[in-house]
Amino acid sequence: MSVPLVEIDLLKTFQRVVILGSISKTADDMYLSVSAVTGRIRTLEQEIGARLFVRTGRQIELTAAGAVFVKHVERFMELIEEGRSRIHTTDRPDSGQLHIAATPLFTSYLLPDMIKRFREKYPMVRLKLSACSNSQVLNLVSQGKADIGMVQEEPQEEGLIGYPLYHDLLIPVVSKGHRLTRLEALSPEDAMACPMLGFQMRSEPWALLEQWFSRQKLFPRVLMNFDHPETLKRYLEPFDAIAFLPGLTIADELKEGELVSLRMTPEPNLGFPLIMVFRSGVSNSLNAHASQAFSEFASQAMAGGAR
């Protein structure tokens, strides 16, 4: 049995209908009439010999065959894009695609300005940014689904290379006017005397903080734990609380006087690295030029500090 030739426009239309979930929205998006979109879907169904959509009320949903077919269409479109990228990469060493996976600390505080400046220098590079957990970032890089990872812990996985990009510190902070600001230095006992908000309590920096308390035979009693510092900061003043946050996340508030940092005694080591991660042995990969350009740019941008 021969496999029918399918026009790429039919596949693009099918893909847009899946994404937008509507024939009419697809028509508007692709500057086509509704009948043209409907006609393309019917032609595609005829060529592959299967029904792709079923209407449920005012909405349309993929059939079982459509759900299988869309995965192959997505991969086909990726191959087309990879082919286009390979052509551009051959012509321009500073072009191509680049997928960066990073933890929220990077995506919220370090990367916005860095990516803006990188795009100004390398406008031909097409960037994709994924924000996810430390372990998810490492998985994406290990599987080759991301070209560069940015994490807060040294990778232990085989085949991954870590490059220290920046060194940050956990800093105790309170809102302005808090009673702890009158202290010359913050002791573990002082910190225990007021409500405490936790930040990423399963991380290595938090483990170092617990060691600071444990030396005084204390264990921090945390009122609430947060995964994102911006959310945590909203609760500091209402709860008259203290928190230990990475310096990157509070630089603006410290500068504006909205938060106050505290000196700690005994002085602990609450430093932790921010690390750029690569897969080893991929220097000849499709996105190697763009990956190298970004890694060099990021290293130079961070050489003088985070800002």
Protein backbone atom coordinates (compact mmCIF):
# COMPACT_ATOMS: atom_id res chain seq x y z
CA MET A 1 0.00 0.00 0.00
CA SER A 2 1.45 3.37 -0.97
CA VAL A 3 1.66 6.20 1.55
CA PRO A 4 -0.16 9.34 0.31
CA LEU A 5 1.74 12.58 -0.07
CA VAL A 6 0.40 15.17 2.33
CA GLU A 7 0.83 18.89 1.66
CA ILE A 8 2.57 20.75 4.45
CA ASP A 9 -0.14 23.43 4.49
CA LEU A 10 -2.66 20.78 5.51
CA LEU A 11 -0.43 19.72 8.39
CA LYS A 12 0.12 23.31 9.51
CA THR A 13 -3.62 23.93 9.48
CA PHE A 14 -4.27 20.74 11.43
CA GLN A 15 -1.65 21.73 13.99
CA ARG A 16 -3.16 25.19 14.47
CA VAL A 17 -6.65 23.75 14.96
CA VAL A 18 -5.26 21.45 17.66
CA ILE A 19 -3.48 24.33 19.41
CA LEU A 20 -6.36 26.82 19.18
CA GLY A 21 -9.13 24.27 19.60
CA SER A 22 -11.36 26.03 17.10
CA ILE A 23 -11.92 26.13 13.34
CA SER A 24 -12.97 29.79 13.40
CA LYS A 25 -9.98 30.88 15.55
CA THR A 26 -7.67 29.00 13.18
CA ALA A 27 -9.25 30.76 10.22
CA ASP A 28 -8.61 34.16 11.83
CA ASP A 29 -5.08 33.16 12.87
CA MET A 30 -4.12 31.95 9.38
CA TYR A 31 -6.06 34.63 7.47
CA LEU A 32 -8.28 32.02 5.84
CA SER A 33 -12.00 31.52 5.58
CA VAL A 34 -13.72 29.00 7.85
CA SER A 35 -14.66 26.94 4.79
CA ALA A 36 -10.99 26.88 3.68
CA VAL A 37 -9.86 25.54 7.05
CA THR A 38 -12.67 22.99 7.09
CA GLY A 39 -11.76 21.94 3.57
CA ARG A 40 -8.12 21.44 4.47
CA ILE A 41 -9.03 19.26 7.46
CA ARG A 42 -11.37 17.15 5.33
CA THR A 43 -8.72 16.75 2.64
CA LEU A 44 -6.17 15.69 5.26
CA GLU A 45 -8.62 13.16 6.72
CA GLN A 46 -9.22 11.73 3.27
CA GLU A 47 -5.50 11.43 2.54
CA ILE A 48 -4.65 9.62 5.76
CA GLY A 49 -7.89 7.65 5.82
CA ALA A 50 -8.98 8.54 9.34
CA ARG A 51 -11.21 10.96 11.17
CA LEU A 52 -9.14 13.52 13.10
CA PHE A 53 -11.72 15.58 14.99
CA VAL A 54 -15.10 15.01 16.57
CA ARG A 55 -17.46 17.83 17.53
CA THR A 56 -18.73 17.95 21.13
CA GLY A 57 -21.28 20.73 21.41
CA ARG A 58 -19.59 23.95 20.30
CA GLN A 59 -16.10 22.54 20.65
CA ILE A 60 -14.04 20.09 18.66
CA GLU A 61 -11.80 17.41 20.11
CA LEU A 62 -9.22 15.05 18.70
CA THR A 63 -10.29 11.52 17.96
CA ALA A 64 -8.08 8.64 19.09
CA ALA A 65 -6.53 8.61 15.62
CA GLY A 66 -6.06 12.38 15.73
CA ALA A 67 -4.29 12.17 19.09
CA VAL A 68 -1.82 9.68 17.62
CA PHE A 69 -1.37 11.61 14.37
CA VAL A 70 -0.72 14.99 16.02
CA LYS A 71 2.40 13.64 17.76
CA HIS A 72 3.88 12.67 14.40
CA VAL A 73 2.93 16.03 12.90
CA GLU A 74 4.68 17.84 15.75
CA ARG A 75 7.81 15.77 15.22
CA PHE A 76 7.69 16.40 11.47
CA MET A 77 7.44 20.15 12.06
CA GLU A 78 10.37 19.96 14.48
CA LEU A 79 12.44 18.19 11.81
CA ILE A 80 11.58 20.91 9.30
CA GLU A 81 12.65 23.55 11.82
CA GLU A 82 15.83 21.64 12.62
CA GLY A 83 16.65 21.47 8.91
CA ARG A 84 16.14 25.20 8.59
CA SER A 85 18.32 25.77 11.63
CA ARG A 86 21.08 23.57 10.21
CA ILE A 87 21.15 25.66 7.04
CA HIS A 88 21.37 28.88 9.06
CA THR A 89 23.96 27.41 11.39
CA THR A 90 26.13 26.48 8.44
CA ASP A 91 25.90 30.02 7.11
CA ARG A 92 26.06 31.83 10.43
CA PRO A 93 27.90 30.43 13.46
CA ASP A 94 25.92 32.79 15.71
CA SER A 95 22.48 31.57 14.62
CA GLY A 96 20.26 28.55 15.14
CA GLN A 97 18.02 27.44 17.97
CA LEU A 98 18.80 27.39 21.66
CA HIS A 99 16.70 25.78 24.40
CA ILE A 100 17.56 26.93 27.92
CA ALA A 101 16.04 25.19 30.94
CA ALA A 102 16.44 27.03 34.24
CA THR A 103 15.14 27.18 37.78
CA PRO A 104 12.84 30.11 38.73
CA LEU A 105 15.74 31.87 40.45
CA PHE A 106 17.40 32.23 37.04
CA THR A 107 14.30 32.87 34.96
CA SER A 108 12.99 35.57 37.31
CA TYR A 109 16.15 37.40 38.34
CA LEU A 110 19.18 36.68 36.15
CA LEU A 111 17.94 35.80 32.69
CA PRO A 112 15.51 38.60 31.70
CA ASP A 113 18.18 41.26 31.26
CA MET A 114 20.81 38.75 30.12
CA ILE A 115 18.61 37.33 27.38
CA LYS A 116 17.61 40.82 26.25
CA ARG A 117 21.26 41.77 25.78
CA PHE A 118 22.10 38.42 24.19
CA ARG A 119 19.29 38.89 21.66
CA GLU A 120 20.64 42.33 20.79
CA LYS A 121 24.04 40.80 20.04
CA TYR A 122 22.76 37.59 18.39
CA PRO A 123 19.40 38.39 16.80
CA MET A 124 19.53 35.30 14.56
CA VAL A 125 19.41 32.86 17.48
CA ARG A 126 15.90 31.59 18.26
CA LEU A 127 15.51 31.05 21.99
CA LYS A 128 13.23 28.78 23.98
CA LEU A 129 13.13 29.15 27.77
CA SER A 130 11.71 26.55 30.17
CA ALA A 131 11.28 27.31 33.88
CA CYS A 132 11.26 24.17 36.04
CA SER A 133 12.71 22.55 39.13
CA ASN A 134 16.36 21.68 39.63
CA SER A 135 15.82 17.98 38.88
CA GLN A 136 13.64 18.72 35.84
CA VAL A 137 16.32 20.99 34.40
CA LEU A 138 18.95 18.28 34.77
CA ASN A 139 16.65 15.71 33.16
CA LEU A 140 16.00 17.95 30.15
CA VAL A 141 19.72 18.51 29.60
CA SER A 142 20.56 14.83 30.15
CA GLN A 143 17.97 13.77 27.58
CA GLY A 144 19.19 16.34 25.05
CA LYS A 145 15.86 18.20 25.14
CA ALA A 146 17.57 21.35 26.43
CA ASP A 147 20.93 22.69 25.27
CA ILE A 148 21.82 24.56 28.45
CA GLY A 149 20.61 24.12 32.02
CA MET A 150 20.84 26.57 34.89
CA VAL A 151 20.59 25.10 38.38
CA GLN A 152 21.39 25.84 42.00
CA GLU A 153 23.29 22.67 42.82
CA GLU A 154 26.31 20.92 41.31
CA PRO A 155 25.05 18.19 38.92
CA GLN A 156 25.85 14.63 39.99
CA GLU A 157 24.42 12.93 36.91
CA GLU A 158 26.84 11.14 34.62
CA GLY A 159 27.45 12.92 31.33
CA LEU A 160 26.70 16.42 32.65
CA ILE A 161 29.24 19.19 33.07
CA GLY A 162 28.66 22.05 35.51
CA TYR A 163 30.19 25.50 35.16
CA PRO A 164 29.87 27.88 38.16
CA LEU A 165 28.28 31.08 36.92
CA TYR A 166 27.65 33.06 40.09
CA HIS A 167 27.96 32.69 43.86
CA ASP A 168 24.98 33.83 45.93
CA LEU A 169 24.20 33.95 49.65
CA LEU A 170 21.17 33.29 51.82
CA ILE A 171 20.54 36.55 53.65
CA PRO A 172 18.24 37.09 56.64
CA VAL A 173 15.74 39.87 55.92
CA VAL A 174 12.82 41.54 57.65
CA SER A 175 10.50 44.37 56.69
CA LYS A 176 11.54 47.92 57.59
CA GLY A 177 10.74 48.85 61.16
CA HIS A 178 10.90 45.25 62.37
CA ARG A 179 12.14 44.90 65.97
CA LEU A 180 15.08 42.73 64.84
CA THR A 181 16.57 45.69 62.94
CA ARG A 182 17.56 47.16 66.31
CA LEU A 183 19.96 44.28 66.96
CA GLU A 184 23.66 44.65 66.28
CA ALA A 185 23.74 41.06 65.02
CA LEU A 186 21.20 38.26 64.66
CA SER A 187 21.72 35.10 66.71
CA PRO A 188 19.87 31.80 66.21
CA GLU A 189 17.95 32.53 69.43
CA ASP A 190 16.89 35.94 68.06
CA ALA A 191 15.68 34.38 64.83
CA MET A 192 13.64 31.81 66.77
CA ALA A 193 11.89 34.59 68.71
CA CYS A 194 9.72 35.66 65.76
CA PRO A 195 7.74 33.92 63.01
CA MET A 196 9.92 32.45 60.25
CA LEU A 197 9.04 31.94 56.59
CA GLY A 198 10.85 29.16 54.76
CA PHE A 199 12.21 29.22 51.22
CA GLN A 200 12.96 26.00 49.29
CA MET A 201 13.51 24.01 52.47
CA ARG A 202 14.79 20.92 50.63
CA SER A 203 17.67 22.82 49.03
CA GLU A 204 21.33 22.67 50.01
CA PRO A 205 21.39 26.34 51.18
CA TRP A 206 18.54 25.63 53.61
CA ALA A 207 20.45 22.61 54.93
CA LEU A 208 23.37 24.95 55.68
CA LEU A 209 20.99 27.27 57.53
CA GLU A 210 19.70 24.38 59.64
CA GLN A 211 23.30 23.59 60.59
CA TRP A 212 23.67 27.17 61.87
CA PHE A 213 20.70 26.63 64.16
CA SER A 214 21.74 23.11 65.18
CA ARG A 215 25.10 24.33 66.53
CA GLN A 216 23.05 26.12 69.19
CA LYS A 217 20.88 22.99 69.63
CA LEU A 218 17.98 24.72 67.91
CA PHE A 219 15.79 23.77 64.96
CA PRO A 220 14.00 26.47 62.92
CA ARG A 221 10.23 26.50 63.39
CA VAL A 222 8.82 27.56 60.04
CA LEU A 223 5.39 29.11 59.81
CA MET A 224 5.05 28.55 56.04
CA ASN A 225 7.29 27.28 53.26
CA PHE A 226 7.47 28.96 49.83
CA ASP A 227 8.90 27.93 46.47
CA HIS A 228 9.06 31.44 45.01
CA PRO A 229 10.58 34.44 46.82
CA GLU A 230 8.15 36.97 45.34
CA THR A 231 5.26 35.19 47.03
CA LEU A 232 7.18 34.91 50.29
CA LYS A 233 8.01 38.62 50.38
CA ARG A 234 4.30 39.50 50.41
CA TYR A 235 3.94 37.69 53.76
CA LEU A 236 6.89 39.19 55.61
CA GLU A 237 5.24 42.38 56.89
CA PRO A 238 1.74 40.97 57.60
CA PHE A 239 3.23 38.20 59.76
CA ASP A 240 6.02 40.35 61.23
CA ALA A 241 8.30 37.53 60.08
CA ILE A 242 11.93 36.86 59.19
CA ALA A 243 13.09 34.99 56.10
CA PHE A 244 16.39 33.81 54.64
CA LEU A 245 16.43 34.60 50.92
CA PRO A 246 19.03 34.54 48.11
CA GLY A 247 20.69 37.91 47.61
CA LEU A 248 19.59 38.06 43.98
CA THR A 249 15.94 37.98 44.97
CA ILE A 250 16.06 40.91 47.39
CA ALA A 251 18.56 43.30 45.76
CA ASP A 252 15.89 45.78 44.64
CA GLU A 253 14.03 45.77 47.98
CA LEU A 254 17.26 46.31 49.93
CA LYS A 255 18.21 49.17 47.64
CA GLU A 256 14.78 50.82 48.05
CA GLY A 257 14.76 50.23 51.82
CA GLU A 258 11.64 48.08 51.73
CA LEU A 259 13.52 45.18 53.32
CA VAL A 260 16.42 45.23 55.77
CA SER A 261 19.21 42.64 55.85
CA LEU A 262 20.67 41.45 59.15
CA ARG A 263 24.21 40.49 60.12
CA MET A 264 24.42 37.00 61.64
CA THR A 265 26.39 35.79 64.65
CA PRO A 266 28.09 33.42 64.70
CA GLU A 267 28.72 34.16 61.04
CA PRO A 268 27.66 31.14 58.96
CA ASN A 269 28.61 29.97 55.49
CA LEU A 270 25.34 30.22 53.58
CA GLY A 271 26.84 30.59 50.11
CA PHE A 272 25.72 28.52 47.18
CA PRO A 273 26.63 28.42 43.48
CA LEU A 274 24.45 29.11 40.48
CA ILE A 275 25.60 26.68 37.83
CA MET A 276 25.35 26.44 34.05
CA VAL A 277 25.03 22.82 32.91
CA PHE A 278 25.85 21.13 29.59
CA ARG A 279 25.91 17.62 28.24
CA SER A 280 29.43 16.35 27.57
CA GLY A 281 30.44 15.33 24.07
CA VAL A 282 27.92 17.40 22.08
CA SER A 283 30.28 19.90 20.47
CA ASN A 284 29.06 18.82 17.03
CA SER A 285 25.36 19.04 17.83
CA LEU A 286 22.96 21.15 15.79
CA ASN A 287 22.78 23.92 18.37
CA ALA A 288 26.44 23.82 19.44
CA HIS A 289 27.29 27.24 17.97
CA ALA A 290 24.36 29.00 19.63
CA SER A 291 25.02 27.15 22.90
CA GLN A 292 28.67 28.19 22.91
CA ALA A 293 27.78 31.79 22.06
CA PHE A 294 25.32 31.99 24.97
CA SER A 295 27.62 30.30 27.49
CA GLU A 296 30.46 32.68 26.64
CA PHE A 297 28.11 35.66 26.78
CA ALA A 298 26.66 34.56 30.15
CA SER A 299 30.11 34.00 31.64
CA GLN A 300 31.25 37.46 30.57
CA ALA A 301 28.01 39.06 31.78
CA MET A 302 28.39 37.49 35.24
CA ALA A 303 32.13 38.08 35.57
CA GLY A 304 31.52 41.43 37.22
CA GLY A 305 28.54 40.31 39.35
CA ALA A 306 24.87 39.63 38.92
CA ARG A 307 23.79 43.12 37.96
